[in-house]
Amino acid sequence: MLRLLCLVACFLFVNASAADNKYVRAIGEGSNIEQAKENAFRNAVQQRAGVVVLSERQSNLGKLVKDDMSVFSAGYVDDFKIVDINQIGSSIVITLDVLVSDSRLFNQTLNTGKTSKEIDGARAGAAVSSFIEKKQKGDRMLDMVLNTYPQTAYRIEQKPLSIFVDGYRNTILQVPYVIRWNKDYINALNEAMLLLEDKVDYWQQANAKIIVPGKGEHKFNDLITYNKVVDSLKGEREARFLMEIYDNSGSVLWHACYVMPWYFYAQFRQLTFETGKPDSSYLQATFNSQNRYIIDQASRIEVSAVPDSKCH
């Protein structure tokens, strides 16, 4: 099974310094005015902030069995003005001038009132709704990277095995290995972190940090994003070694899971992935007289990284 993660950055950025306070004209269509407005907002954000498309393709024996797409735009609607509304058949077509702001803010002040008592409910609601939608799309994009942990996160190289007999005449099988981070996975994770991290000035203390090996420090005010990354590494997703022994026909004769050392550590709101240095050790299995036939019939041994849930 082969998984390919691909981040395709299709940024359509205009010059930020020249366009920070400029409105984007966008058209939306829907079965009612609210739906048409939401589609116009979405189009405006994509025009102003750009689009990142994350695709995950999984093929089995050369056949495509999964192809998920997630579109993410790093911006939200700050203000809008209605230019025109038309009804075309059963559809409403609306034209808006939309002010799109950067979503990667440390403390998200999405809207301010006109006076101490007044609030523009339509503007405030649009800002909150589009901001939350952006966050949810970011979650889906991040999930596409995290859901492949630990299967695609590590490179495991098997070394020549050793077989010997212990003092109780048991057959001992030792399989040496070298394990390291998969650079493609780290790159995909880092790309996602760059898109989702918050802009934090040097004097501001972020709520949480994620440090990716060789890529630097990413700061987050959004703890849901941070916790999503941490939770993807623990519990049922915690990494395990899976060793499988196959016979000539490709059937599994024997399998077992082993605890994998953690190549990251989490302290108070800081997650640090260890550097990409290779680590070497071995996995060992013991076979007594009753199951020694496994060694006799063995044709191939495979070691892979799997989530703990697969070991139950």
C-alpha atoms as a PDB file:
ATOM      1  CA  MET A   1       0.000   0.000   0.000  1.00  0.00           C
ATOM      2  CA  LEU A   2       1.393   3.311  -0.994  1.00  0.00           C
ATOM      3  CA  ARG A   3       0.286   6.673   0.304  1.00  0.00           C
ATOM      4  CA  LEU A   4       1.314   9.879  -1.338  1.00  0.00           C
ATOM      5  CA  LEU A   5       0.805  13.213   0.355  1.00  0.00           C
ATOM      6  CA  CYS A   6       0.988  16.190  -1.898  1.00  0.00           C
ATOM      7  CA  LEU A   7       0.681  19.828  -0.925  1.00  0.00           C
ATOM      8  CA  VAL A   8      -0.011  21.905  -4.007  1.00  0.00           C
ATOM      9  CA  ALA A   9       0.260  25.594  -3.246  1.00  0.00           C
ATOM     10  CA  CYS A  10      -1.852  27.527  -5.719  1.00  0.00           C
ATOM     11  CA  PHE A  11      -1.382  30.916  -4.098  1.00  0.00           C
ATOM     12  CA  LEU A  12      -3.013  33.778  -5.937  1.00  0.00           C
ATOM     13  CA  PHE A  13      -1.648  36.463  -3.638  1.00  0.00           C
ATOM     14  CA  VAL A  14      -1.949  40.118  -4.539  1.00  0.00           C
ATOM     15  CA  ASN A  15       0.598  42.446  -2.975  1.00  0.00           C
ATOM     16  CA  ALA A  16      -0.391  42.417   0.707  1.00  0.00           C
ATOM     17  CA  SER A  17       1.079  45.812   1.546  1.00  0.00           C
ATOM     18  CA  ALA A  18      -0.882  47.435  -1.271  1.00  0.00           C
ATOM     19  CA  ALA A  19      -4.154  45.582  -0.762  1.00  0.00           C
ATOM     20  CA  ASP A  20      -4.650  45.258   2.989  1.00  0.00           C
ATOM     21  CA  ASN A  21      -7.561  47.706   3.002  1.00  0.00           C
ATOM     22  CA  LYS A  22      -9.022  46.992  -0.429  1.00  0.00           C
ATOM     23  CA  TYR A  23     -12.269  45.212  -1.099  1.00  0.00           C
ATOM     24  CA  VAL A  24     -12.548  42.237  -3.438  1.00  0.00           C
ATOM     25  CA  ARG A  25     -15.541  42.052  -5.778  1.00  0.00           C
ATOM     26  CA  ALA A  26     -17.034  38.541  -5.719  1.00  0.00           C
ATOM     27  CA  ILE A  27     -20.133  36.851  -7.105  1.00  0.00           C
ATOM     28  CA  GLY A  28     -22.045  34.064  -5.398  1.00  0.00           C
ATOM     29  CA  GLU A  29     -24.987  31.945  -6.425  1.00  0.00           C
ATOM     30  CA  GLY A  30     -27.422  29.999  -4.290  1.00  0.00           C
ATOM     31  CA  SER A  31     -30.997  28.936  -3.746  1.00  0.00           C
ATOM     32  CA  ASN A  32     -31.488  31.884  -1.352  1.00  0.00           C
ATOM     33  CA  ILE A  33     -29.724  35.114  -0.428  1.00  0.00           C
ATOM     34  CA  GLU A  34     -27.822  33.699   2.548  1.00  0.00           C
ATOM     35  CA  GLN A  35     -26.481  30.773   0.536  1.00  0.00           C
ATOM     36  CA  ALA A  36     -25.479  33.105  -2.296  1.00  0.00           C
ATOM     37  CA  LYS A  37     -23.686  35.386   0.194  1.00  0.00           C
ATOM     38  CA  GLU A  38     -21.763  32.471   1.701  1.00  0.00           C
ATOM     39  CA  ASN A  39     -20.590  31.381  -1.745  1.00  0.00           C
ATOM     40  CA  ALA A  40     -19.558  34.952  -2.575  1.00  0.00           C
ATOM     41  CA  PHE A  41     -17.632  35.172   0.707  1.00  0.00           C
ATOM     42  CA  ARG A  42     -15.873  31.908  -0.113  1.00  0.00           C
ATOM     43  CA  ASN A  43     -14.911  33.140  -3.579  1.00  0.00           C
ATOM     44  CA  ALA A  44     -13.633  36.441  -2.180  1.00  0.00           C
ATOM     45  CA  VAL A  45     -11.439  34.750   0.419  1.00  0.00           C
ATOM     46  CA  GLN A  46      -9.920  32.492  -2.231  1.00  0.00           C
ATOM     47  CA  GLN A  47      -9.243  35.487  -4.499  1.00  0.00           C
ATOM     48  CA  ARG A  48      -7.627  37.549  -1.758  1.00  0.00           C
ATOM     49  CA  ALA A  49      -5.825  34.989   0.411  1.00  0.00           C
ATOM     50  CA  GLY A  50      -5.071  32.272  -2.108  1.00  0.00           C
ATOM     51  CA  VAL A  51      -5.891  28.583  -2.108  1.00  0.00           C
ATOM     52  CA  VAL A  52      -3.959  25.543  -0.948  1.00  0.00           C
ATOM     53  CA  VAL A  53      -5.102  22.154  -2.146  1.00  0.00           C
ATOM     54  CA  LEU A  54      -4.046  19.091  -0.170  1.00  0.00           C
ATOM     55  CA  SER A  55      -4.602  15.748  -1.817  1.00  0.00           C
ATOM     56  CA  GLU A  56      -4.126  12.289  -0.406  1.00  0.00           C
ATOM     57  CA  ARG A  57      -4.001   9.383  -2.795  1.00  0.00           C
ATOM     58  CA  GLN A  58      -3.855   5.818  -1.667  1.00  0.00           C
ATOM     59  CA  SER A  59      -3.297   3.043  -4.162  1.00  0.00           C
ATOM     60  CA  ASN A  60      -3.381  -0.683  -3.656  1.00  0.00           C
ATOM     61  CA  LEU A  61      -1.634  -2.817  -6.282  1.00  0.00           C
ATOM     62  CA  GLY A  62      -1.692   0.102  -8.677  1.00  0.00           C
ATOM     63  CA  LYS A  63      -5.425   0.804  -8.317  1.00  0.00           C
ATOM     64  CA  LEU A  64      -6.594   4.117  -6.924  1.00  0.00           C
ATOM     65  CA  VAL A  65      -8.849   3.418  -3.957  1.00  0.00           C
ATOM     66  CA  LYS A  66      -8.949   6.805  -2.266  1.00  0.00           C
ATOM     67  CA  ASP A  67      -8.656  10.370  -3.468  1.00  0.00           C
ATOM     68  CA  ASP A  68      -9.607  13.070  -0.965  1.00  0.00           C
ATOM     69  CA  MET A  69      -9.292  16.772  -1.592  1.00  0.00           C
ATOM     70  CA  SER A  70      -9.346  19.581   0.932  1.00  0.00           C
ATOM     71  CA  VAL A  71      -9.273  23.256  -0.046  1.00  0.00           C
ATOM     72  CA  PHE A  72      -7.965  25.749   2.486  1.00  0.00           C
ATOM     73  CA  SER A  73      -7.776  29.546   2.345  1.00  0.00           C
ATOM     74  CA  ALA A  74      -5.972  31.491   5.054  1.00  0.00           C
ATOM     75  CA  GLY A  75      -8.348  34.429   5.340  1.00  0.00           C
ATOM     76  CA  TYR A  76     -11.766  35.472   6.653  1.00  0.00           C
ATOM     77  CA  VAL A  77     -14.460  38.052   5.827  1.00  0.00           C
ATOM     78  CA  ASP A  78     -14.001  41.252   7.833  1.00  0.00           C
ATOM     79  CA  ASP A  79     -16.620  43.403   6.085  1.00  0.00           C
ATOM     80  CA  PHE A  80     -18.830  43.387   2.991  1.00  0.00           C
ATOM     81  CA  LYS A  81     -21.073  45.643   0.912  1.00  0.00           C
ATOM     82  CA  ILE A  82     -23.932  44.446  -1.284  1.00  0.00           C
ATOM     83  CA  VAL A  83     -23.494  45.683  -4.864  1.00  0.00           C
ATOM     84  CA  ASP A  84     -26.269  43.849  -6.690  1.00  0.00           C
ATOM     85  CA  ILE A  85     -28.832  41.054  -6.229  1.00  0.00           C
ATOM     86  CA  ASN A  86     -30.523  39.286  -9.136  1.00  0.00           C
ATOM     87  CA  GLN A  87     -32.776  36.277  -9.472  1.00  0.00           C
ATOM     88  CA  ILE A  88     -31.975  34.039 -12.428  1.00  0.00           C
ATOM     89  CA  GLY A  89     -34.505  31.251 -12.687  1.00  0.00           C
ATOM     90  CA  SER A  90     -34.669  29.576  -9.290  1.00  0.00           C
ATOM     91  CA  SER A  91     -31.245  30.885  -8.235  1.00  0.00           C
ATOM     92  CA  ILE A  92     -30.170  34.058  -6.482  1.00  0.00           C
ATOM     93  CA  VAL A  93     -27.009  35.720  -7.811  1.00  0.00           C
ATOM     94  CA  ILE A  94     -25.404  38.306  -5.538  1.00  0.00           C
ATOM     95  CA  THR A  95     -22.465  40.624  -6.133  1.00  0.00           C
ATOM     96  CA  LEU A  96     -20.529  41.791  -3.073  1.00  0.00           C
ATOM     97  CA  ASP A  97     -17.519  43.945  -2.304  1.00  0.00           C
ATOM     98  CA  VAL A  98     -15.762  41.945   0.422  1.00  0.00           C
ATOM     99  CA  LEU A  99     -12.938  42.958   2.759  1.00  0.00           C
ATOM    100  CA  VAL A 100     -10.802  39.888   3.486  1.00  0.00           C
ATOM    101  CA  SER A 101      -8.383  39.898   6.416  1.00  0.00           C
ATOM    102  CA  ASP A 102      -5.482  37.626   7.274  1.00  0.00           C
ATOM    103  CA  SER A 103      -6.664  34.749   9.459  1.00  0.00           C
ATOM    104  CA  ARG A 104      -3.267  34.062  10.992  1.00  0.00           C
ATOM    105  CA  LEU A 105      -3.699  36.496  13.843  1.00  0.00           C
ATOM    106  CA  PHE A 106      -2.498  36.007  17.392  1.00  0.00           C
ATOM    107  CA  ASN A 107      -5.573  37.355  19.131  1.00  0.00           C
ATOM    108  CA  GLN A 108      -8.451  37.262  16.670  1.00  0.00           C
ATOM    109  CA  THR A 109     -10.459  40.490  17.002  1.00  0.00           C
ATOM    110  CA  LEU A 110     -12.971  39.767  14.277  1.00  0.00           C
ATOM    111  CA  ASN A 111     -15.260  42.760  14.663  1.00  0.00           C
ATOM    112  CA  THR A 112     -15.639  46.022  16.551  1.00  0.00           C
ATOM    113  CA  GLY A 113     -18.808  47.990  17.255  1.00  0.00           C
ATOM    114  CA  LYS A 114     -19.566  51.417  15.818  1.00  0.00           C
ATOM    115  CA  THR A 115     -20.286  52.902  19.259  1.00  0.00           C
ATOM    116  CA  SER A 116     -20.459  51.619  22.816  1.00  0.00           C
ATOM    117  CA  LYS A 117     -24.002  50.337  22.179  1.00  0.00           C
ATOM    118  CA  GLU A 118     -24.241  49.529  18.485  1.00  0.00           C
ATOM    119  CA  ILE A 119     -23.181  46.415  16.637  1.00  0.00           C
ATOM    120  CA  ASP A 120     -23.417  45.559  12.966  1.00  0.00           C
ATOM    121  CA  GLY A 121     -24.841  42.067  13.363  1.00  0.00           C
ATOM    122  CA  ALA A 122     -24.573  41.134   9.680  1.00  0.00           C
ATOM    123  CA  ARG A 123     -20.912  42.105   9.532  1.00  0.00           C
ATOM    124  CA  ALA A 124     -20.076  40.446  12.859  1.00  0.00           C
ATOM    125  CA  GLY A 125     -21.910  37.268  11.908  1.00  0.00           C
ATOM    126  CA  ALA A 126     -20.148  37.080   8.538  1.00  0.00           C
ATOM    127  CA  ALA A 127     -16.755  37.522  10.195  1.00  0.00           C
ATOM    128  CA  VAL A 128     -17.335  34.830  12.805  1.00  0.00           C
ATOM    129  CA  SER A 129     -18.918  32.365  10.366  1.00  0.00           C
ATOM    130  CA  SER A 130     -16.185  32.661   7.747  1.00  0.00           C
ATOM    131  CA  PHE A 131     -13.461  32.503  10.411  1.00  0.00           C
ATOM    132  CA  ILE A 132     -14.896  29.315  11.924  1.00  0.00           C
ATOM    133  CA  GLU A 133     -15.363  27.808   8.459  1.00  0.00           C
ATOM    134  CA  LYS A 134     -11.711  28.569   7.713  1.00  0.00           C
ATOM    135  CA  LYS A 135     -10.679  26.845  10.941  1.00  0.00           C
ATOM    136  CA  GLN A 136     -12.785  23.788  10.109  1.00  0.00           C
ATOM    137  CA  LYS A 137     -11.263  23.530   6.643  1.00  0.00           C
ATOM    138  CA  GLY A 138      -7.845  23.847   8.250  1.00  0.00           C
ATOM    139  CA  ASP A 139      -8.770  20.974  10.565  1.00  0.00           C
ATOM    140  CA  ARG A 140      -9.719  18.777   7.613  1.00  0.00           C
ATOM    141  CA  MET A 141      -6.510  19.632   5.807  1.00  0.00           C
ATOM    142  CA  LEU A 142      -4.429  18.884   8.891  1.00  0.00           C
ATOM    143  CA  ASP A 143      -6.302  15.599   9.435  1.00  0.00           C
ATOM    144  CA  MET A 144      -5.174  14.407   6.010  1.00  0.00           C
ATOM    145  CA  VAL A 145      -1.556  14.669   7.175  1.00  0.00           C
ATOM    146  CA  LEU A 146      -2.104  13.408  10.731  1.00  0.00           C
ATOM    147  CA  ASN A 147      -4.244  10.419   9.719  1.00  0.00           C
ATOM    148  CA  THR A 148      -1.255   8.819   8.003  1.00  0.00           C
ATOM    149  CA  TYR A 149       0.719   8.730  11.262  1.00  0.00           C
ATOM    150  CA  PRO A 150       2.626   6.553  11.954  1.00  0.00           C
ATOM    151  CA  GLN A 151       2.373   4.523   8.730  1.00  0.00           C
ATOM    152  CA  THR A 152       4.056   7.128   6.515  1.00  0.00           C
ATOM    153  CA  ALA A 153       5.948   9.027   9.227  1.00  0.00           C
ATOM    154  CA  TYR A 154       8.973   6.735   9.491  1.00  0.00           C
ATOM    155  CA  ARG A 155      11.469   4.988   7.260  1.00  0.00           C
ATOM    156  CA  ILE A 156      12.401   1.557   8.616  1.00  0.00           C
ATOM    157  CA  GLU A 157      15.379  -0.269   7.142  1.00  0.00           C
ATOM    158  CA  GLN A 158      15.790  -3.932   8.035  1.00  0.00           C
ATOM    159  CA  LYS A 159      19.277  -5.357   8.474  1.00  0.00           C
ATOM    160  CA  PRO A 160      20.332  -9.033   8.052  1.00  0.00           C
ATOM    161  CA  LEU A 161      18.643 -11.135  10.720  1.00  0.00           C
ATOM    162  CA  SER A 162      20.234 -13.541  13.216  1.00  0.00           C
ATOM    163  CA  ILE A 163      18.954 -16.908  14.458  1.00  0.00           C
ATOM    164  CA  PHE A 164      20.333 -18.769  17.446  1.00  0.00           C
ATOM    165  CA  VAL A 165      19.257 -21.191  20.176  1.00  0.00           C
ATOM    166  CA  ASP A 166      19.164 -20.200  23.831  1.00  0.00           C
ATOM    167  CA  GLY A 167      19.936 -22.294  26.919  1.00  0.00           C
ATOM    168  CA  TYR A 168      16.397 -23.729  26.928  1.00  0.00           C
ATOM    169  CA  ARG A 169      16.616 -24.790  23.252  1.00  0.00           C
ATOM    170  CA  ASN A 170      14.243 -22.102  22.137  1.00  0.00           C
ATOM    171  CA  THR A 171      14.854 -20.596  18.715  1.00  0.00           C
ATOM    172  CA  ILE A 172      15.623 -16.877  18.950  1.00  0.00           C
ATOM    173  CA  LEU A 173      15.037 -14.605  15.968  1.00  0.00           C
ATOM    174  CA  GLN A 174      16.603 -11.154  15.999  1.00  0.00           C
ATOM    175  CA  VAL A 175      15.788  -8.578  13.314  1.00  0.00           C
ATOM    176  CA  PRO A 176      18.030  -5.466  13.429  1.00  0.00           C
ATOM    177  CA  TYR A 177      16.619  -2.227  12.071  1.00  0.00           C
ATOM    178  CA  VAL A 178      17.410   1.425  11.495  1.00  0.00           C
ATOM    179  CA  ILE A 179      14.559   3.924  11.851  1.00  0.00           C
ATOM    180  CA  ARG A 180      14.388   7.595  10.877  1.00  0.00           C
ATOM    181  CA  TRP A 181      11.751  10.208  10.112  1.00  0.00           C
ATOM    182  CA  ASN A 182      10.310  10.131   6.605  1.00  0.00           C
ATOM    183  CA  LYS A 183      11.340  13.480   5.112  1.00  0.00           C
ATOM    184  CA  ASP A 184       8.222  13.606   2.934  1.00  0.00           C
ATOM    185  CA  TYR A 185       6.002  13.315   6.011  1.00  0.00           C
ATOM    186  CA  ILE A 186       7.962  15.973   7.907  1.00  0.00           C
ATOM    187  CA  ASN A 187       7.768  18.303   4.906  1.00  0.00           C
ATOM    188  CA  ALA A 188       3.994  17.803   4.615  1.00  0.00           C
ATOM    189  CA  LEU A 189       3.547  18.385   8.362  1.00  0.00           C
ATOM    190  CA  ASN A 190       5.672  21.512   8.223  1.00  0.00           C
ATOM    191  CA  GLU A 191       3.712  22.881   5.243  1.00  0.00           C
ATOM    192  CA  ALA A 192       0.474  22.407   7.198  1.00  0.00           C
ATOM    193  CA  MET A 193       1.992  24.111  10.257  1.00  0.00           C
ATOM    194  CA  LEU A 194       3.111  27.088   8.148  1.00  0.00           C
ATOM    195  CA  LEU A 195      -0.441  27.571   6.877  1.00  0.00           C
ATOM    196  CA  LEU A 196      -2.161  27.189  10.237  1.00  0.00           C
ATOM    197  CA  GLU A 197       0.263  28.884  12.631  1.00  0.00           C
ATOM    198  CA  ASP A 198      -0.565  32.278  14.136  1.00  0.00           C
ATOM    199  CA  LYS A 199       1.422  35.428  13.558  1.00  0.00           C
ATOM    200  CA  VAL A 200       3.007  36.276  16.874  1.00  0.00           C
ATOM    201  CA  ASP A 201       5.206  39.345  17.436  1.00  0.00           C
ATOM    202  CA  TYR A 202       8.453  38.791  19.299  1.00  0.00           C
ATOM    203  CA  TRP A 203       7.064  40.247  22.553  1.00  0.00           C
ATOM    204  CA  GLN A 204       3.946  38.054  22.542  1.00  0.00           C
ATOM    205  CA  GLN A 205       3.812  34.649  24.213  1.00  0.00           C
ATOM    206  CA  ALA A 206       1.966  32.065  22.128  1.00  0.00           C
ATOM    207  CA  ASN A 207      -0.456  29.667  23.800  1.00  0.00           C
ATOM    208  CA  ALA A 208       1.367  26.677  22.277  1.00  0.00           C
ATOM    209  CA  LYS A 209       4.364  25.783  20.117  1.00  0.00           C
ATOM    210  CA  ILE A 210       5.211  22.948  17.749  1.00  0.00           C
ATOM    211  CA  ILE A 211       8.851  22.438  16.789  1.00  0.00           C
ATOM    212  CA  VAL A 212       9.479  20.430  13.612  1.00  0.00           C
ATOM    213  CA  PRO A 213      12.994  18.991  13.058  1.00  0.00           C
ATOM    214  CA  GLY A 214      14.986  21.099  10.646  1.00  0.00           C
ATOM    215  CA  LYS A 215      11.987  23.349   9.976  1.00  0.00           C
ATOM    216  CA  GLY A 216      11.747  25.634  12.976  1.00  0.00           C
ATOM    217  CA  GLU A 217       9.189  26.717  15.543  1.00  0.00           C
ATOM    218  CA  HIS A 218       5.475  27.193  14.847  1.00  0.00           C
ATOM    219  CA  LYS A 219       3.372  29.227  17.276  1.00  0.00           C
ATOM    220  CA  PHE A 220      -0.333  28.758  17.946  1.00  0.00           C
ATOM    221  CA  ASN A 221      -2.985  30.659  19.813  1.00  0.00           C
ATOM    222  CA  ASP A 222      -5.605  28.129  18.661  1.00  0.00           C
ATOM    223  CA  LEU A 223      -5.272  25.282  21.162  1.00  0.00           C
ATOM    224  CA  ILE A 224      -7.677  23.064  19.214  1.00  0.00           C
ATOM    225  CA  THR A 225      -5.137  22.869  16.380  1.00  0.00           C
ATOM    226  CA  TYR A 226      -2.291  22.191  18.812  1.00  0.00           C
ATOM    227  CA  ASN A 227      -4.241  19.501  20.695  1.00  0.00           C
ATOM    228  CA  LYS A 228      -5.239  17.867  17.408  1.00  0.00           C
ATOM    229  CA  VAL A 229      -1.563  17.354  16.564  1.00  0.00           C
ATOM    230  CA  VAL A 230      -0.679  16.059  20.037  1.00  0.00           C
ATOM    231  CA  ASP A 231      -3.659  13.681  20.167  1.00  0.00           C
ATOM    232  CA  SER A 232      -2.730  12.204  16.780  1.00  0.00           C
ATOM    233  CA  LEU A 233       0.488  10.860  18.333  1.00  0.00           C
ATOM    234  CA  LYS A 234      -0.997   9.237  21.440  1.00  0.00           C
ATOM    235  CA  GLY A 235      -3.555   6.655  22.500  1.00  0.00           C
ATOM    236  CA  GLU A 236      -4.836   4.538  19.631  1.00  0.00           C
ATOM    237  CA  ARG A 237      -2.521   6.425  17.243  1.00  0.00           C
ATOM    238  CA  GLU A 238       0.619   5.739  19.264  1.00  0.00           C
ATOM    239  CA  ALA A 239       3.297   4.201  17.049  1.00  0.00           C
ATOM    240  CA  ARG A 240       4.166   0.509  17.278  1.00  0.00           C
ATOM    241  CA  PHE A 241       6.538  -1.765  15.412  1.00  0.00           C
ATOM    242  CA  LEU A 242       4.710  -4.572  13.617  1.00  0.00           C
ATOM    243  CA  MET A 243       6.815  -7.608  12.670  1.00  0.00           C
ATOM    244  CA  GLU A 244       5.214 -10.135  10.321  1.00  0.00           C
ATOM    245  CA  ILE A 245       6.542 -13.459   9.072  1.00  0.00           C
ATOM    246  CA  TYR A 246       5.191 -14.733   5.729  1.00  0.00           C
ATOM    247  CA  ASP A 247       5.384 -18.109   4.015  1.00  0.00           C
ATOM    248  CA  ASN A 248       5.992 -18.741   0.295  1.00  0.00           C
ATOM    249  CA  SER A 249       2.330 -18.197  -0.582  1.00  0.00           C
ATOM    250  CA  GLY A 250       2.247 -14.764   1.067  1.00  0.00           C
ATOM    251  CA  SER A 251       0.199 -15.867   4.073  1.00  0.00           C
ATOM    252  CA  VAL A 252       1.063 -14.504   7.505  1.00  0.00           C
ATOM    253  CA  LEU A 253       2.503 -17.246   9.709  1.00  0.00           C
ATOM    254  CA  TRP A 254       3.130 -15.067  12.741  1.00  0.00           C
ATOM    255  CA  HIS A 255       2.966 -11.425  13.786  1.00  0.00           C
ATOM    256  CA  ALA A 256       3.648  -9.348  16.864  1.00  0.00           C
ATOM    257  CA  CYS A 257       3.723  -5.690  17.917  1.00  0.00           C
ATOM    258  CA  TYR A 258       6.539  -3.992  19.811  1.00  0.00           C
ATOM    259  CA  VAL A 259       6.746  -0.717  21.667  1.00  0.00           C
ATOM    260  CA  MET A 260       8.376   1.977  19.557  1.00  0.00           C
ATOM    261  CA  PRO A 261      10.496   4.667  21.227  1.00  0.00           C
ATOM    262  CA  TRP A 262       8.938   8.112  21.085  1.00  0.00           C
ATOM    263  CA  TYR A 263      10.690  10.424  18.670  1.00  0.00           C
ATOM    264  CA  PHE A 264       8.952  13.474  20.058  1.00  0.00           C
ATOM    265  CA  TYR A 265       8.158  14.849  23.486  1.00  0.00           C
ATOM    266  CA  ALA A 266       5.380  17.077  24.791  1.00  0.00           C
ATOM    267  CA  GLN A 267       5.639  19.347  27.770  1.00  0.00           C
ATOM    268  CA  PHE A 268       3.297  22.134  28.800  1.00  0.00           C
ATOM    269  CA  ARG A 269       1.834  23.301  25.477  1.00  0.00           C
ATOM    270  CA  GLN A 270       5.030  22.599  23.573  1.00  0.00           C
ATOM    271  CA  LEU A 271       5.447  19.659  21.210  1.00  0.00           C
ATOM    272  CA  THR A 272       8.950  18.954  19.936  1.00  0.00           C
ATOM    273  CA  PHE A 273       9.742  16.403  17.253  1.00  0.00           C
ATOM    274  CA  GLU A 274      13.205  14.933  17.732  1.00  0.00           C
ATOM    275  CA  THR A 275      15.898  15.580  15.148  1.00  0.00           C
ATOM    276  CA  GLY A 276      16.092  13.333  12.123  1.00  0.00           C
ATOM    277  CA  LYS A 277      19.062  11.274  13.309  1.00  0.00           C
ATOM    278  CA  PRO A 278      18.666   7.522  12.599  1.00  0.00           C
ATOM    279  CA  ASP A 279      18.165   5.170  15.545  1.00  0.00           C
ATOM    280  CA  SER A 280      19.149   1.510  15.455  1.00  0.00           C
ATOM    281  CA  SER A 281      18.214  -1.534  17.548  1.00  0.00           C
ATOM    282  CA  TYR A 282      16.569  -4.926  16.957  1.00  0.00           C
ATOM    283  CA  LEU A 283      13.291  -6.781  17.420  1.00  0.00           C
ATOM    284  CA  GLN A 284      13.404 -10.249  18.952  1.00  0.00           C
ATOM    285  CA  ALA A 285      10.998 -13.187  18.820  1.00  0.00           C
ATOM    286  CA  THR A 286      11.231 -16.517  20.678  1.00  0.00           C
ATOM    287  CA  PHE A 287       9.893 -19.796  19.281  1.00  0.00           C
ATOM    288  CA  ASN A 288       9.669 -22.971  21.344  1.00  0.00           C
ATOM    289  CA  SER A 289       9.375 -26.537  20.095  1.00  0.00           C
ATOM    290  CA  GLN A 290       5.634 -26.184  19.459  1.00  0.00           C
ATOM    291  CA  ASN A 291       5.847 -23.219  17.099  1.00  0.00           C
ATOM    292  CA  ARG A 292       9.284 -23.777  15.589  1.00  0.00           C
ATOM    293  CA  TYR A 293       7.521 -24.712  12.343  1.00  0.00           C
ATOM    294  CA  ILE A 294       7.151 -20.945  11.763  1.00  0.00           C
ATOM    295  CA  ILE A 295      10.903 -20.681  11.237  1.00  0.00           C
ATOM    296  CA  ASP A 296      10.865 -23.738   8.960  1.00  0.00           C
ATOM    297  CA  GLN A 297       8.157 -22.266   6.718  1.00  0.00           C
ATOM    298  CA  ALA A 298       9.291 -18.618   6.829  1.00  0.00           C
ATOM    299  CA  SER A 299       9.983 -16.947   3.506  1.00  0.00           C
ATOM    300  CA  ARG A 300       9.840 -13.209   4.242  1.00  0.00           C
ATOM    301  CA  ILE A 301       9.939 -10.916   7.273  1.00  0.00           C
ATOM    302  CA  GLU A 302       8.560  -7.381   7.238  1.00  0.00           C
ATOM    303  CA  VAL A 303       8.831  -4.653   9.874  1.00  0.00           C
ATOM    304  CA  SER A 304       6.556  -1.621   9.634  1.00  0.00           C
ATOM    305  CA  ALA A 305       5.153   1.217  11.762  1.00  0.00           C
ATOM    306  CA  VAL A 306       1.465   0.954  12.653  1.00  0.00           C
ATOM    307  CA  PRO A 307      -0.904   2.665  15.115  1.00  0.00           C
ATOM    308  CA  ASP A 308      -1.539   0.886  18.405  1.00  0.00           C
ATOM    309  CA  SER A 309      -5.147   0.232  17.375  1.00  0.00           C
ATOM    310  CA  LYS A 310      -3.934  -2.206  14.710  1.00  0.00           C
ATOM    311  CA  CYS A 311      -2.173  -4.272  17.352  1.00  0.00           C
ATOM    312  CA  HIS A 312      -5.427  -5.220  19.101  1.00  0.00           C
END
